[in-house]
C-alpha atoms as a PDB file:
ATOM      1  CA  MET A   1      -4.274   3.938  74.073  1.00  0.00           C
ATOM      2  CA  ILE A   2      -6.482   2.283  76.661  1.00  0.00           C
ATOM      3  CA  LYS A   3      -9.107  -0.182  75.376  1.00  0.00           C
ATOM      4  CA  LEU A   4     -10.162  -1.917  78.609  1.00  0.00           C
ATOM      5  CA  ILE A   5     -10.943  -0.167  81.897  1.00  0.00           C
ATOM      6  CA  VAL A   6     -11.289  -2.465  84.887  1.00  0.00           C
ATOM      7  CA  GLY A   7     -12.814  -1.193  88.113  1.00  0.00           C
ATOM      8  CA  LEU A   8     -11.909  -3.290  91.153  1.00  0.00           C
ATOM      9  CA  GLY A   9     -14.354  -3.940  93.958  1.00  0.00           C
ATOM     10  CA  ASN A  10     -16.640  -6.490  95.530  1.00  0.00           C
ATOM     11  CA  PRO A  11     -20.187  -7.189  94.332  1.00  0.00           C
ATOM     12  CA  GLY A  12     -23.127  -6.813  96.698  1.00  0.00           C
ATOM     13  CA  SER A  13     -24.864  -3.944  98.460  1.00  0.00           C
ATOM     14  CA  GLN A  14     -22.897  -4.464 101.689  1.00  0.00           C
ATOM     15  CA  TYR A  15     -19.689  -3.447  99.850  1.00  0.00           C
ATOM     16  CA  GLU A  16     -21.187  -0.757  97.630  1.00  0.00           C
ATOM     17  CA  LYS A  17     -19.647   2.365  99.159  1.00  0.00           C
ATOM     18  CA  THR A  18     -16.630   0.849 100.907  1.00  0.00           C
ATOM     19  CA  ARG A  19     -13.079   2.046 100.355  1.00  0.00           C
ATOM     20  CA  HIS A  20     -12.153  -1.211  98.587  1.00  0.00           C
ATOM     21  CA  ASN A  21     -14.824  -0.480  95.968  1.00  0.00           C
ATOM     22  CA  ALA A  22     -13.183   2.726  94.746  1.00  0.00           C
ATOM     23  CA  GLY A  23     -12.765   1.188  91.270  1.00  0.00           C
ATOM     24  CA  PHE A  24     -16.457   0.281  91.063  1.00  0.00           C
ATOM     25  CA  ILE A  25     -17.382   3.758  92.322  1.00  0.00           C
ATOM     26  CA  PHE A  26     -15.331   5.416  89.565  1.00  0.00           C
ATOM     27  CA  LEU A  27     -16.808   3.255  86.790  1.00  0.00           C
ATOM     28  CA  ASN A  28     -20.358   3.723  88.107  1.00  0.00           C
ATOM     29  CA  GLN A  29     -19.899   7.504  88.032  1.00  0.00           C
ATOM     30  CA  LEU A  30     -18.449   7.299  84.519  1.00  0.00           C
ATOM     31  CA  ALA A  31     -21.395   5.188  83.319  1.00  0.00           C
ATOM     32  CA  LEU A  32     -23.871   7.592  84.928  1.00  0.00           C
ATOM     33  CA  GLN A  33     -22.174  10.607  83.321  1.00  0.00           C
ATOM     34  CA  TYR A  34     -22.486   9.082  79.843  1.00  0.00           C
ATOM     35  CA  GLY A  35     -25.874   7.377  80.320  1.00  0.00           C
ATOM     36  CA  LEU A  36     -24.407   3.892  79.953  1.00  0.00           C
ATOM     37  CA  ALA A  37     -26.034   0.726  81.302  1.00  0.00           C
ATOM     38  CA  TRP A  38     -24.236  -2.257  82.826  1.00  0.00           C
ATOM     39  CA  LYS A  39     -24.997  -5.758  81.541  1.00  0.00           C
ATOM     40  CA  VAL A  40     -23.935  -8.987  83.224  1.00  0.00           C
ATOM     41  CA  ASN A  41     -21.639 -10.995  80.966  1.00  0.00           C
ATOM     42  CA  VAL A  42     -21.481 -14.610  82.145  1.00  0.00           C
ATOM     43  CA  GLN A  43     -18.505 -15.447  79.909  1.00  0.00           C
ATOM     44  CA  PHE A  44     -16.378 -12.682  81.476  1.00  0.00           C
ATOM     45  CA  GLN A  45     -17.825 -13.063  84.984  1.00  0.00           C
ATOM     46  CA  GLY A  46     -18.555  -9.379  85.314  1.00  0.00           C
ATOM     47  CA  GLU A  47     -20.748  -6.422  84.578  1.00  0.00           C
ATOM     48  CA  VAL A  48     -19.690  -5.012  81.218  1.00  0.00           C
ATOM     49  CA  ILE A  49     -20.242  -1.956  79.039  1.00  0.00           C
ATOM     50  CA  SER A  50     -18.969  -1.683  75.465  1.00  0.00           C
ATOM     51  CA  CYS A  51     -19.072   1.950  74.405  1.00  0.00           C
ATOM     52  CA  SER A  52     -17.479   4.826  72.570  1.00  0.00           C
ATOM     53  CA  ILE A  53     -16.508   7.880  74.590  1.00  0.00           C
ATOM     54  CA  GLY A  54     -14.900  10.833  72.861  1.00  0.00           C
ATOM     55  CA  GLY A  55     -14.492   8.754  69.706  1.00  0.00           C
ATOM     56  CA  LYS A  56     -12.605   6.027  71.556  1.00  0.00           C
ATOM     57  CA  ASP A  57     -13.983   2.471  71.665  1.00  0.00           C
ATOM     58  CA  LEU A  58     -13.784   1.068  75.176  1.00  0.00           C
ATOM     59  CA  MET A  59     -14.849  -1.846  77.269  1.00  0.00           C
ATOM     60  CA  LEU A  60     -15.587  -1.200  80.938  1.00  0.00           C
ATOM     61  CA  ILE A  61     -15.783  -4.112  83.349  1.00  0.00           C
ATOM     62  CA  LYS A  62     -16.527  -4.651  87.011  1.00  0.00           C
ATOM     63  CA  PRO A  63     -15.547  -8.246  87.895  1.00  0.00           C
ATOM     64  CA  LEU A  64     -18.203 -10.093  89.883  1.00  0.00           C
ATOM     65  CA  THR A  65     -15.647 -12.614  91.162  1.00  0.00           C
ATOM     66  CA  PHE A  66     -14.878 -10.600  94.331  1.00  0.00           C
ATOM     67  CA  MET A  67     -11.688  -8.601  94.713  1.00  0.00           C
ATOM     68  CA  ASN A  68      -9.280 -11.453  95.461  1.00  0.00           C
ATOM     69  CA  LYS A  69     -10.292 -13.342  92.294  1.00  0.00           C
ATOM     70  CA  SER A  70     -10.461 -10.373  89.877  1.00  0.00           C
ATOM     71  CA  GLY A  71      -7.893 -11.997  87.614  1.00  0.00           C
ATOM     72  CA  LEU A  72     -10.321 -14.802  86.679  1.00  0.00           C
ATOM     73  CA  SER A  73     -12.571 -12.264  84.975  1.00  0.00           C
ATOM     74  CA  ILE A  74      -9.904  -9.992  83.550  1.00  0.00           C
ATOM     75  CA  GLY A  75      -7.807 -12.858  82.203  1.00  0.00           C
ATOM     76  CA  LYS A  76     -10.772 -14.054  80.131  1.00  0.00           C
ATOM     77  CA  VAL A  77     -11.346 -10.582  78.645  1.00  0.00           C
ATOM     78  CA  VAL A  78      -7.656 -10.042  77.870  1.00  0.00           C
ATOM     79  CA  ARG A  79      -7.295 -13.414  76.153  1.00  0.00           C
ATOM     80  CA  TYR A  80     -10.592 -13.124  74.218  1.00  0.00           C
ATOM     81  CA  TYR A  81      -9.753  -9.688  72.804  1.00  0.00           C
ATOM     82  CA  LYS A  82      -5.984 -10.350  72.595  1.00  0.00           C
ATOM     83  CA  LEU A  83      -5.261  -7.138  74.478  1.00  0.00           C
ATOM     84  CA  LYS A  84      -1.756  -5.861  75.061  1.00  0.00           C
ATOM     85  CA  PRO A  85      -0.884  -4.944  78.666  1.00  0.00           C
ATOM     86  CA  GLU A  86      -0.550  -1.254  77.797  1.00  0.00           C
ATOM     87  CA  GLU A  87      -4.182  -1.244  76.570  1.00  0.00           C
ATOM     88  CA  ILE A  88      -5.453  -2.117  80.061  1.00  0.00           C
ATOM     89  CA  LEU A  89      -6.247   0.324  82.852  1.00  0.00           C
ATOM     90  CA  VAL A  90      -7.073  -1.064  86.303  1.00  0.00           C
ATOM     91  CA  VAL A  91      -8.764   1.393  88.686  1.00  0.00           C
ATOM     92  CA  HIS A  92      -8.287   0.502  92.350  1.00  0.00           C
ATOM     93  CA  ASP A  93      -8.115   1.761  95.920  1.00  0.00           C
ATOM     94  CA  GLU A  94      -4.674   2.740  97.201  1.00  0.00           C
ATOM     95  CA  LEU A  95      -3.682   2.768 100.875  1.00  0.00           C
ATOM     96  CA  GLU A  96      -0.410   4.593 100.187  1.00  0.00           C
ATOM     97  CA  LEU A  97      -2.153   7.728  98.889  1.00  0.00           C
ATOM     98  CA  ALA A  98      -4.183  10.137 101.018  1.00  0.00           C
ATOM     99  CA  GLU A  99      -7.915  10.363 100.424  1.00  0.00           C
ATOM    100  CA  GLY A 100      -8.654  12.321  97.263  1.00  0.00           C
ATOM    101  CA  VAL A 101      -5.171  11.881  95.800  1.00  0.00           C
ATOM    102  CA  VAL A 102      -4.961  10.057  92.473  1.00  0.00           C
ATOM    103  CA  LYS A 103      -1.958   8.748  90.566  1.00  0.00           C
ATOM    104  CA  LEU A 104      -1.703   7.020  87.202  1.00  0.00           C
ATOM    105  CA  LYS A 105       1.192   4.644  86.732  1.00  0.00           C
ATOM    106  CA  LEU A 106       2.382   1.975  84.324  1.00  0.00           C
ATOM    107  CA  ASP A 107       3.732  -1.329  85.569  1.00  0.00           C
ATOM    108  CA  GLY A 108       4.719  -2.222  89.100  1.00  0.00           C
ATOM    109  CA  GLY A 109       4.044  -4.848  91.693  1.00  0.00           C
ATOM    110  CA  HIS A 110       0.866  -5.493  93.621  1.00  0.00           C
ATOM    111  CA  ALA A 111       2.024  -3.882  96.909  1.00  0.00           C
ATOM    112  CA  GLY A 112      -0.112  -6.360  98.841  1.00  0.00           C
ATOM    113  CA  HIS A 113      -3.308  -5.526  96.915  1.00  0.00           C
ATOM    114  CA  ASN A 114      -4.951  -8.908  96.351  1.00  0.00           C
ATOM    115  CA  GLY A 115      -6.973  -7.761  93.341  1.00  0.00           C
ATOM    116  CA  LEU A 116      -3.818  -6.629  91.550  1.00  0.00           C
ATOM    117  CA  ARG A 117      -1.972  -9.771  92.654  1.00  0.00           C
ATOM    118  CA  ASP A 118      -4.653 -11.972  91.070  1.00  0.00           C
ATOM    119  CA  ILE A 119      -4.741  -9.963  87.836  1.00  0.00           C
ATOM    120  CA  ILE A 120      -0.955 -10.169  87.500  1.00  0.00           C
ATOM    121  CA  ALA A 121      -1.123 -13.942  88.039  1.00  0.00           C
ATOM    122  CA  HIS A 122      -3.862 -14.453  85.425  1.00  0.00           C
ATOM    123  CA  ILE A 123      -2.569 -12.191  82.658  1.00  0.00           C
ATOM    124  CA  GLU A 124       1.074 -13.018  83.451  1.00  0.00           C
ATOM    125  CA  THR A 125       2.342  -9.447  83.293  1.00  0.00           C
ATOM    126  CA  ARG A 126       2.626  -6.364  85.472  1.00  0.00           C
ATOM    127  CA  GLY A 127       2.865  -4.048  82.462  1.00  0.00           C
ATOM    128  CA  PHE A 128      -0.627  -2.557  82.589  1.00  0.00           C
ATOM    129  CA  TYR A 129      -1.770   0.902  83.705  1.00  0.00           C
ATOM    130  CA  ARG A 130      -3.147   1.465  87.193  1.00  0.00           C
ATOM    131  CA  LEU A 131      -5.268   4.398  88.305  1.00  0.00           C
ATOM    132  CA  ARG A 132      -4.631   4.511  92.044  1.00  0.00           C
ATOM    133  CA  LEU A 133      -7.426   6.192  94.006  1.00  0.00           C
ATOM    134  CA  GLY A 134      -6.181   7.239  97.433  1.00  0.00           C
ATOM    135  CA  ILE A 135      -8.091   5.975 100.461  1.00  0.00           C
ATOM    136  CA  GLY A 136      -5.436   6.745 103.095  1.00  0.00           C
ATOM    137  CA  ARG A 137      -4.104   4.396 105.754  1.00  0.00           C
ATOM    138  CA  PRO A 138      -5.987   3.198 108.821  1.00  0.00           C
ATOM    139  CA  PRO A 139      -4.816   4.360 112.237  1.00  0.00           C
ATOM    140  CA  VAL A 140      -1.781   2.494 113.584  1.00  0.00           C
ATOM    141  CA  GLY A 141      -2.819  -0.808 115.141  1.00  0.00           C
ATOM    142  CA  SER A 142      -6.052  -1.035 113.105  1.00  0.00           C
ATOM    143  CA  ASN A 143      -6.894  -4.018 110.940  1.00  0.00           C
ATOM    144  CA  VAL A 144      -6.279  -3.123 107.283  1.00  0.00           C
ATOM    145  CA  ALA A 145      -8.940  -5.559 105.985  1.00  0.00           C
ATOM    146  CA  ASP A 146     -11.571  -4.029 108.259  1.00  0.00           C
ATOM    147  CA  TYR A 147     -10.512  -0.552 107.132  1.00  0.00           C
ATOM    148  CA  VAL A 148     -10.733  -1.186 103.379  1.00  0.00           C
ATOM    149  CA  LEU A 149     -14.056  -3.022 103.753  1.00  0.00           C
ATOM    150  CA  SER A 150     -15.615  -0.152 105.704  1.00  0.00           C
ATOM    151  CA  LYS A 151     -17.175   3.042 104.427  1.00  0.00           C
ATOM    152  CA  PRO A 152     -15.086   6.213 104.537  1.00  0.00           C
ATOM    153  CA  SER A 153     -16.137   9.264 106.493  1.00  0.00           C
ATOM    154  CA  GLN A 154     -18.335  11.795 104.703  1.00  0.00           C
ATOM    155  CA  VAL A 155     -15.210  13.871 104.016  1.00  0.00           C
ATOM    156  CA  GLY A 156     -13.429  10.827 102.557  1.00  0.00           C
ATOM    157  CA  SER A 157     -16.448   9.958 100.425  1.00  0.00           C
ATOM    158  CA  ASP A 158     -16.697  13.548  99.166  1.00  0.00           C
ATOM    159  CA  LEU A 159     -12.974  13.572  98.285  1.00  0.00           C
ATOM    160  CA  LEU A 160     -13.323  10.358  96.269  1.00  0.00           C
ATOM    161  CA  ASP A 161     -16.421  11.672  94.471  1.00  0.00           C
ATOM    162  CA  LYS A 162     -14.683  14.946  93.627  1.00  0.00           C
ATOM    163  CA  ALA A 163     -11.591  13.121  92.343  1.00  0.00           C
ATOM    164  CA  CYS A 164     -13.784  10.874  90.169  1.00  0.00           C
ATOM    165  CA  GLN A 165     -15.608  13.881  88.707  1.00  0.00           C
ATOM    166  CA  ILE A 166     -12.324  15.620  87.834  1.00  0.00           C
ATOM    167  CA  LEU A 167     -11.042  12.435  86.161  1.00  0.00           C
ATOM    168  CA  ILE A 168     -14.271  12.036  84.195  1.00  0.00           C
ATOM    169  CA  LYS A 169     -14.116  15.660  83.049  1.00  0.00           C
ATOM    170  CA  GLU A 170     -10.562  15.000  81.801  1.00  0.00           C
ATOM    171  CA  PHE A 171     -11.364  11.514  80.522  1.00  0.00           C
ATOM    172  CA  ASP A 172      -9.499  11.951  77.208  1.00  0.00           C
ATOM    173  CA  ARG A 173      -6.234  12.357  79.113  1.00  0.00           C
ATOM    174  CA  LEU A 174      -6.966   9.187  81.040  1.00  0.00           C
ATOM    175  CA  VAL A 175      -7.701   6.946  78.032  1.00  0.00           C
ATOM    176  CA  ASP A 176      -4.668   8.395  76.234  1.00  0.00           C
ATOM    177  CA  ALA A 177      -2.681   7.237  79.313  1.00  0.00           C
ATOM    178  CA  ASP A 178      -1.111  10.679  79.609  1.00  0.00           C
ATOM    179  CA  MET A 179       0.514  10.111  83.009  1.00  0.00           C
ATOM    180  CA  ALA A 180       1.976  13.598  83.365  1.00  0.00           C
ATOM    181  CA  LYS A 181      -1.337  15.337  82.691  1.00  0.00           C
ATOM    182  CA  VAL A 182      -3.460  12.924  84.762  1.00  0.00           C
ATOM    183  CA  ASN A 183      -1.070  13.101  87.694  1.00  0.00           C
ATOM    184  CA  ALA A 184      -1.125  16.911  87.534  1.00  0.00           C
ATOM    185  CA  LEU A 185      -4.931  16.939  87.891  1.00  0.00           C
ATOM    186  CA  LEU A 186      -4.962  15.873  91.547  1.00  0.00           C
ATOM    187  CA  PRO A 187      -1.452  16.379  92.903  1.00  0.00           C
ATOM    188  CA  ALA A 188      -2.488  16.814  96.511  1.00  0.00           C
ATOM    189  CA  GLN A 189      -5.519  16.918  98.775  1.00  0.00           C
ATOM    190  CA  ILE A 190      -8.451  18.535  96.980  1.00  0.00           C
END
């Protein structure tokens, strides 16, 4: 069962609705749905919520270390609470999935995602869950960094919001890490 949900993104209003902040967007919608308030935790270098949802005790965290240094924050949380890799869910943007497509997976590499790369380095394992929120690929010849740090179209934004709402409605399946059921929720464009 999941005990820690990490949303990846960059702090600051200039990044707020960018594709790279898909993890932050999901956690912000979850917090809003349940009337939860973020608190800055200096020790963990992030905004944190400790809560119970559906009878399950959880910690939600948005690292304030910027995407490429997310592992600094997450490593501290994992060591402090002595969490097992399979109790961790990292929510992040995914270039390899079309906008609005979501996949839950356990283990794997970083596939060039610097936030995942840093987390793997700091917690010394790849064996955690990842909720991959599809943002699609930029047009051929475009700069990937510029793409992920820009805001999606209105359609792309709506697809991400709708995917987040479906995941929140089926939140029990997510925290139970039921890959088959989560992956069946959004199998294709919505």
